[in-house]
């Protein structure tokens, strides 16, 4: 018996089906920045990751698609990560050649 593999990356036709949209509507959502952009596997092969499609559906369910584009969301996530790294760095003090984290 062969193991069934569920692909993590979906071509655009399956990505549109996965989120329940027609190909043209999904393509328009991507173009507007409301749906996630593809991940390029090679210069000629792009796929949509299930995790990003799930996040897209979650945002739709919460009514976030109008106020926040996918690009805005990525930028916010990146800035939050950078902020957390800066905060972590500022919580580390050097005393007599040893590094101690403040509590």
Protein backbone atom coordinates (compact mmCIF):
# COMPACT_ATOMS: atom_id res chain seq x y z
CA UNK A 1 0.00 0.00 0.00
CA UNK A 2 1.44 3.37 -1.06
CA UNK A 3 1.46 6.22 1.42
CA UNK A 4 -0.66 9.15 0.39
CA UNK A 5 1.22 12.44 0.32
CA UNK A 6 -0.68 15.65 0.95
CA UNK A 7 1.27 18.39 -0.83
CA UNK A 8 2.12 21.41 1.28
CA UNK A 9 2.43 23.60 -1.80
CA UNK A 10 -0.49 23.87 -4.21
CA UNK A 11 -0.57 25.13 -7.79
CA UNK A 12 -2.86 28.11 -8.32
CA UNK A 13 -5.81 26.01 -9.52
CA UNK A 14 -5.76 23.87 -6.38
CA UNK A 15 -5.05 26.86 -4.14
CA UNK A 16 -8.19 28.56 -5.49
CA UNK A 17 -10.21 25.38 -4.91
CA UNK A 18 -8.72 24.99 -1.43
CA UNK A 19 -10.06 28.40 -0.36
CA UNK A 20 -13.33 27.94 -2.25
CA UNK A 21 -12.87 30.57 -4.93
CA UNK A 22 -12.86 30.50 -8.70
CA UNK A 23 -9.46 30.82 -10.32
CA UNK A 24 -10.22 34.34 -11.55
CA UNK A 25 -11.44 35.57 -8.15
CA UNK A 26 -8.46 34.03 -6.35
CA UNK A 27 -6.07 35.57 -8.88
CA UNK A 28 -7.70 38.97 -8.34
CA UNK A 29 -7.35 38.61 -4.55
CA UNK A 30 -3.65 37.79 -4.98
CA UNK A 31 -3.17 40.75 -7.33
CA UNK A 32 -4.84 43.13 -4.84
CA UNK A 33 -2.60 41.81 -2.06
CA UNK A 34 -5.51 40.34 -0.12
CA UNK A 35 -4.53 36.70 -0.68
CA UNK A 36 -1.01 35.40 -0.11
CA UNK A 37 1.62 35.57 -2.79
CA UNK A 38 3.06 32.32 -4.11
CA UNK A 39 6.28 30.70 -3.03
CA UNK A 40 8.63 30.16 -5.94
CA UNK A 41 10.18 26.69 -5.94
CA UNK A 42 12.11 27.31 -9.16
CA UNK A 43 12.15 30.17 -11.65
CA UNK A 44 9.21 28.49 -13.45
CA UNK A 45 7.33 26.81 -10.59
CA UNK A 46 5.26 28.62 -7.99
CA UNK A 47 2.98 27.18 -5.32
CA UNK A 48 0.75 28.48 -2.55
CA UNK A 49 1.51 27.11 0.90
CA UNK A 50 -1.44 25.60 2.79
CA UNK A 51 -0.44 27.44 5.98
CA UNK A 52 -0.70 30.81 4.22
CA UNK A 53 -4.01 29.81 2.64
CA UNK A 54 -5.32 28.77 6.07
CA UNK A 55 -4.25 32.14 7.49
CA UNK A 56 -5.99 33.87 4.57
CA UNK A 57 -9.23 32.03 5.38
CA UNK A 58 -8.88 32.86 9.07
CA UNK A 59 -8.46 36.55 8.23
CA UNK A 60 -11.51 36.41 5.96
CA UNK A 61 -13.49 34.78 8.76
CA UNK A 62 -12.52 37.64 11.09
CA UNK A 63 -13.31 40.31 8.50
CA UNK A 64 -9.70 41.50 8.22
CA UNK A 65 -9.40 41.44 4.45
CA UNK A 66 -10.48 45.03 3.90
CA UNK A 67 -8.26 46.72 6.48
CA UNK A 68 -5.11 44.66 6.11
CA UNK A 69 -3.50 43.30 2.97
CA UNK A 70 -1.27 40.27 2.96
CA UNK A 71 1.77 42.52 2.44
CA UNK A 72 0.73 44.62 5.46
CA UNK A 73 0.44 41.46 7.55
CA UNK A 74 3.89 40.23 6.51
CA UNK A 75 5.43 43.63 7.30
CA UNK A 76 3.73 43.67 10.71
CA UNK A 77 4.93 40.15 11.52
CA UNK A 78 8.48 41.07 10.50
CA UNK A 79 8.46 44.23 12.60
CA UNK A 80 7.09 42.31 15.61
CA UNK A 81 9.88 39.76 15.24
CA UNK A 82 12.49 42.52 14.96
CA UNK A 83 11.02 44.28 17.98
CA UNK A 84 11.14 41.09 20.04
CA UNK A 85 14.77 40.55 19.08
CA UNK A 86 15.65 44.16 20.02
CA UNK A 87 13.80 43.79 23.33
CA UNK A 88 15.66 40.56 24.06
CA UNK A 89 18.99 42.24 23.28
CA UNK A 90 18.19 45.21 25.54
CA UNK A 91 17.37 42.82 28.40
CA UNK A 92 20.90 41.39 28.31
CA UNK A 93 23.56 43.20 30.36
CA UNK A 94 27.27 42.52 30.48
CA UNK A 95 28.87 42.47 33.92
CA UNK A 96 32.57 41.63 34.51
CA UNK A 97 32.85 39.80 31.19
CA UNK A 98 29.75 37.63 31.74
CA UNK A 99 26.37 38.10 30.21
CA UNK A 100 23.32 38.18 32.48
CA UNK A 101 19.70 38.56 31.51
CA UNK A 102 17.62 40.93 33.57
CA UNK A 103 14.35 39.54 34.89
